[in-house]
Amino acid sequence: GSMSTLLENIFAIINLFKQYSKKDKNTDTLSKKELKELLEKEFRQILKNPDDPDMVDVFMDHLDIDHNKKIDFTEFLLMVFKLAQAYYESTRKE
């Protein structure tokens, strides 16, 4: 059976997280370096300031709820939702 588009997208988000989180030895979390790479490659089109060197720090500050300098899957999901929300808002104004 074919998967629904929504499920495909959910799996894509999970796979994206896995793909970047396994670049270092902490495979269940994104380091700042991994997060930066993911943002620059995958979310470039919807970031307000993709070339801002402080961008990743801003994301880390907002997302790293337990302040362990790592982004876990839940924190990553919140980021995806927030980016989606920001993008949705920006398209509504046009």
N, C-alpha and C. Protein backbone atom coordinates (compact mmCIF):
# COMPACT_ATOMS: atom_id res chain seq x y z
N GLY A 1 0.82 -1.21 0.00
CA GLY A 1 0.00 0.00 0.00
C GLY A 1 0.85 1.25 0.00
N SER A 2 0.34 2.29 -0.61
CA SER A 2 1.11 3.52 -0.65
C SER A 2 0.84 4.33 0.62
N MET A 3 1.85 5.01 1.06
CA MET A 3 1.75 5.81 2.27
C MET A 3 1.09 7.13 1.98
N SER A 4 0.44 7.69 2.99
CA SER A 4 -0.12 9.02 2.82
C SER A 4 1.03 10.03 2.76
N THR A 5 0.75 11.14 2.13
CA THR A 5 1.77 12.19 2.03
C THR A 5 2.20 12.66 3.41
N LEU A 6 1.26 12.76 4.32
CA LEU A 6 1.59 13.21 5.67
C LEU A 6 2.57 12.25 6.34
N LEU A 7 2.29 10.96 6.25
CA LEU A 7 3.20 9.97 6.82
C LEU A 7 4.57 10.02 6.16
N GLU A 8 4.57 10.16 4.86
CA GLU A 8 5.84 10.28 4.14
C GLU A 8 6.65 11.45 4.68
N ASN A 9 5.96 12.55 4.92
CA ASN A 9 6.65 13.74 5.43
C ASN A 9 7.16 13.53 6.85
N ILE A 10 6.37 12.85 7.67
CA ILE A 10 6.81 12.55 9.03
C ILE A 10 8.06 11.67 9.00
N PHE A 11 8.03 10.64 8.15
CA PHE A 11 9.20 9.77 8.05
C PHE A 11 10.40 10.55 7.50
N ALA A 12 10.14 11.46 6.58
CA ALA A 12 11.24 12.27 6.02
C ALA A 12 11.88 13.12 7.11
N ILE A 13 11.07 13.68 8.00
CA ILE A 13 11.58 14.49 9.11
C ILE A 13 12.44 13.63 10.04
N ILE A 14 11.94 12.43 10.35
CA ILE A 14 12.69 11.51 11.21
C ILE A 14 14.02 11.14 10.56
N ASN A 15 13.97 10.81 9.28
CA ASN A 15 15.19 10.41 8.58
C ASN A 15 16.19 11.55 8.48
N LEU A 16 15.67 12.75 8.28
CA LEU A 16 16.52 13.92 8.23
C LEU A 16 17.27 14.08 9.55
N PHE A 17 16.54 13.96 10.65
CA PHE A 17 17.16 14.07 11.97
C PHE A 17 18.25 13.01 12.14
N LYS A 18 17.92 11.77 11.78
CA LYS A 18 18.88 10.67 11.91
C LYS A 18 20.12 10.90 11.06
N GLN A 19 19.90 11.36 9.84
CA GLN A 19 20.99 11.57 8.90
C GLN A 19 22.02 12.56 9.48
N TYR A 20 21.54 13.64 10.10
CA TYR A 20 22.46 14.64 10.63
C TYR A 20 22.93 14.29 12.04
N SER A 21 22.08 13.66 12.84
CA SER A 21 22.47 13.39 14.23
C SER A 21 23.53 12.31 14.34
N LYS A 22 23.66 11.47 13.31
CA LYS A 22 24.64 10.39 13.43
C LYS A 22 26.03 10.76 12.89
N LYS A 23 26.24 12.06 12.62
CA LYS A 23 27.55 12.47 12.13
C LYS A 23 28.62 12.46 13.22
N ASP A 24 28.21 12.52 14.47
CA ASP A 24 29.18 12.38 15.55
C ASP A 24 28.77 11.22 16.46
N LYS A 25 29.49 11.05 17.56
CA LYS A 25 29.25 9.84 18.37
C LYS A 25 27.94 9.88 19.15
N ASN A 26 27.40 11.09 19.36
CA ASN A 26 26.09 11.19 20.01
C ASN A 26 25.01 11.11 18.94
N THR A 27 24.53 9.89 18.70
CA THR A 27 23.67 9.69 17.53
C THR A 27 22.21 10.05 17.77
N ASP A 28 21.83 10.29 19.02
CA ASP A 28 20.43 10.62 19.30
C ASP A 28 20.20 12.12 19.40
N THR A 29 21.25 12.88 19.21
CA THR A 29 21.12 14.33 19.35
C THR A 29 21.89 15.05 18.24
N LEU A 30 21.49 16.28 18.02
CA LEU A 30 22.22 17.15 17.09
C LEU A 30 23.14 18.05 17.91
N SER A 31 24.40 18.06 17.56
CA SER A 31 25.30 19.04 18.14
C SER A 31 25.06 20.37 17.44
N LYS A 32 25.67 21.42 17.95
CA LYS A 32 25.54 22.72 17.31
C LYS A 32 26.03 22.65 15.86
N LYS A 33 27.14 21.95 15.65
CA LYS A 33 27.71 21.81 14.31
C LYS A 33 26.75 21.09 13.38
N GLU A 34 26.16 20.01 13.88
CA GLU A 34 25.21 19.24 13.07
C GLU A 34 23.96 20.07 12.76
N LEU A 35 23.48 20.79 13.76
CA LEU A 35 22.31 21.63 13.58
C LEU A 35 22.57 22.70 12.52
N LYS A 36 23.75 23.30 12.60
CA LYS A 36 24.12 24.35 11.64
C LYS A 36 24.10 23.81 10.22
N GLU A 37 24.69 22.65 10.04
CA GLU A 37 24.75 22.03 8.72
C GLU A 37 23.34 21.70 8.22
N LEU A 38 22.53 21.16 9.10
CA LEU A 38 21.16 20.80 8.73
C LEU A 38 20.38 22.05 8.32
N LEU A 39 20.47 23.10 9.12
CA LEU A 39 19.74 24.33 8.81
C LEU A 39 20.19 24.91 7.47
N GLU A 40 21.51 24.95 7.28
CA GLU A 40 22.03 25.57 6.06
C GLU A 40 21.67 24.77 4.81
N LYS A 41 21.66 23.45 4.93
CA LYS A 41 21.37 22.63 3.75
C LYS A 41 19.88 22.44 3.52
N GLU A 42 19.13 22.20 4.57
CA GLU A 42 17.74 21.76 4.41
C GLU A 42 16.72 22.89 4.53
N PHE A 43 17.04 23.92 5.30
CA PHE A 43 16.04 24.95 5.57
C PHE A 43 16.43 26.32 5.01
N ARG A 44 17.48 26.33 4.22
CA ARG A 44 18.02 27.59 3.72
C ARG A 44 16.95 28.52 3.14
N GLN A 45 16.05 27.94 2.33
CA GLN A 45 15.08 28.78 1.62
C GLN A 45 14.12 29.52 2.54
N ILE A 46 13.86 28.96 3.73
CA ILE A 46 12.88 29.63 4.59
C ILE A 46 13.50 30.34 5.80
N LEU A 47 14.82 30.34 5.88
CA LEU A 47 15.46 31.07 6.98
C LEU A 47 15.54 32.55 6.62
N LYS A 48 15.30 33.40 7.61
CA LYS A 48 15.35 34.83 7.35
C LYS A 48 16.77 35.28 7.03
N ASN A 49 17.72 34.82 7.81
CA ASN A 49 19.12 35.22 7.62
C ASN A 49 20.04 34.00 7.57
N PRO A 50 19.97 33.24 6.47
CA PRO A 50 20.73 31.98 6.43
C PRO A 50 22.24 32.15 6.58
N ASP A 51 22.75 33.35 6.23
CA ASP A 51 24.20 33.54 6.29
C ASP A 51 24.67 34.24 7.56
N ASP A 52 23.73 34.51 8.44
CA ASP A 52 24.08 35.14 9.71
C ASP A 52 24.86 34.14 10.57
N PRO A 53 26.09 34.49 10.95
CA PRO A 53 26.90 33.55 11.74
C PRO A 53 26.28 33.23 13.10
N ASP A 54 25.42 34.13 13.60
CA ASP A 54 24.79 33.90 14.91
C ASP A 54 23.52 33.08 14.82
N MET A 55 23.09 32.79 13.59
CA MET A 55 21.81 32.11 13.40
C MET A 55 21.71 30.82 14.22
N VAL A 56 22.74 30.01 14.15
CA VAL A 56 22.67 28.72 14.83
C VAL A 56 22.62 28.90 16.35
N ASP A 57 23.30 29.95 16.86
CA ASP A 57 23.24 30.23 18.30
C ASP A 57 21.83 30.59 18.73
N VAL A 58 21.16 31.38 17.89
CA VAL A 58 19.78 31.77 18.19
C VAL A 58 18.89 30.52 18.27
N PHE A 59 19.06 29.63 17.27
CA PHE A 59 18.29 28.39 17.29
C PHE A 59 18.61 27.55 18.51
N MET A 60 19.90 27.43 18.83
CA MET A 60 20.31 26.64 19.99
C MET A 60 19.65 27.20 21.26
N ASP A 61 19.72 28.53 21.41
CA ASP A 61 19.16 29.17 22.60
C ASP A 61 17.68 28.87 22.75
N HIS A 62 16.95 28.92 21.64
CA HIS A 62 15.51 28.71 21.69
C HIS A 62 15.15 27.25 21.86
N LEU A 63 15.94 26.37 21.27
CA LEU A 63 15.54 24.97 21.17
C LEU A 63 16.05 24.10 22.29
N ASP A 64 17.24 24.43 22.78
CA ASP A 64 17.89 23.55 23.74
C ASP A 64 17.28 23.77 25.11
N ILE A 65 16.10 23.20 25.30
CA ILE A 65 15.30 23.47 26.49
C ILE A 65 16.00 23.02 27.77
N ASP A 66 16.71 21.89 27.70
CA ASP A 66 17.38 21.42 28.91
C ASP A 66 18.83 21.90 29.01
N HIS A 67 19.23 22.79 28.10
CA HIS A 67 20.55 23.42 28.13
C HIS A 67 21.71 22.44 28.22
N ASN A 68 21.63 21.37 27.44
CA ASN A 68 22.75 20.42 27.45
C ASN A 68 23.59 20.55 26.18
N LYS A 69 23.38 21.65 25.45
CA LYS A 69 24.15 21.93 24.23
C LYS A 69 23.90 20.91 23.13
N LYS A 70 22.79 20.21 23.24
CA LYS A 70 22.42 19.24 22.22
C LYS A 70 20.93 19.38 21.95
N ILE A 71 20.56 19.05 20.72
CA ILE A 71 19.16 19.10 20.33
C ILE A 71 18.67 17.67 20.16
N ASP A 72 17.71 17.27 20.98
CA ASP A 72 17.16 15.92 20.81
C ASP A 72 16.00 15.96 19.81
N PHE A 73 15.42 14.82 19.55
CA PHE A 73 14.41 14.76 18.50
C PHE A 73 13.20 15.64 18.81
N THR A 74 12.79 15.65 20.06
CA THR A 74 11.63 16.47 20.45
C THR A 74 11.92 17.95 20.21
N GLU A 75 13.11 18.37 20.61
CA GLU A 75 13.50 19.77 20.42
C GLU A 75 13.58 20.10 18.92
N PHE A 76 14.08 19.15 18.15
CA PHE A 76 14.16 19.31 16.70
C PHE A 76 12.77 19.45 16.09
N LEU A 77 11.84 18.60 16.54
CA LEU A 77 10.47 18.67 16.03
C LEU A 77 9.85 20.03 16.29
N LEU A 78 10.09 20.57 17.48
CA LEU A 78 9.56 21.90 17.80
C LEU A 78 10.10 22.94 16.84
N MET A 79 11.38 22.79 16.48
CA MET A 79 11.98 23.71 15.53
C MET A 79 11.30 23.61 14.17
N VAL A 80 11.07 22.39 13.71
CA VAL A 80 10.43 22.18 12.42
C VAL A 80 9.04 22.82 12.42
N PHE A 81 8.31 22.62 13.53
CA PHE A 81 6.97 23.22 13.62
C PHE A 81 7.06 24.74 13.60
N LYS A 82 8.04 25.29 14.32
CA LYS A 82 8.17 26.74 14.36
C LYS A 82 8.54 27.31 13.01
N LEU A 83 9.44 26.63 12.30
CA LEU A 83 9.82 27.08 10.96
C LEU A 83 8.62 27.00 10.02
N ALA A 84 7.86 25.92 10.14
CA ALA A 84 6.67 25.76 9.30
C ALA A 84 5.68 26.88 9.58
N GLN A 85 5.52 27.18 10.86
CA GLN A 85 4.59 28.22 11.29
C GLN A 85 5.01 29.58 10.73
N ALA A 86 6.30 29.88 10.85
CA ALA A 86 6.82 31.15 10.36
C ALA A 86 6.62 31.26 8.85
N TYR A 87 6.87 30.16 8.18
CA TYR A 87 6.72 30.14 6.72
C TYR A 87 5.25 30.31 6.33
N TYR A 88 4.38 29.62 7.05
CA TYR A 88 2.94 29.73 6.81
C TYR A 88 2.47 31.18 6.98
N GLU A 89 2.93 31.79 8.07
CA GLU A 89 2.54 33.20 8.34
C GLU A 89 3.03 34.11 7.22
N SER A 90 4.26 33.86 6.74
CA SER A 90 4.82 34.73 5.71
C SER A 90 4.07 34.57 4.38
N THR A 91 3.53 33.38 4.11
CA THR A 91 2.80 33.19 2.86
C THR A 91 1.38 33.75 2.94
N ARG A 92 0.85 33.86 4.14
CA ARG A 92 -0.52 34.38 4.29
C ARG A 92 -0.60 35.86 4.01
N LYS A 93 0.49 36.58 4.26
CA LYS A 93 0.47 38.03 4.14
C LYS A 93 0.45 38.50 2.69
N GLU A 94 0.89 37.64 1.78
CA GLU A 94 1.02 38.08 0.39
C GLU A 94 -0.32 38.31 -0.29
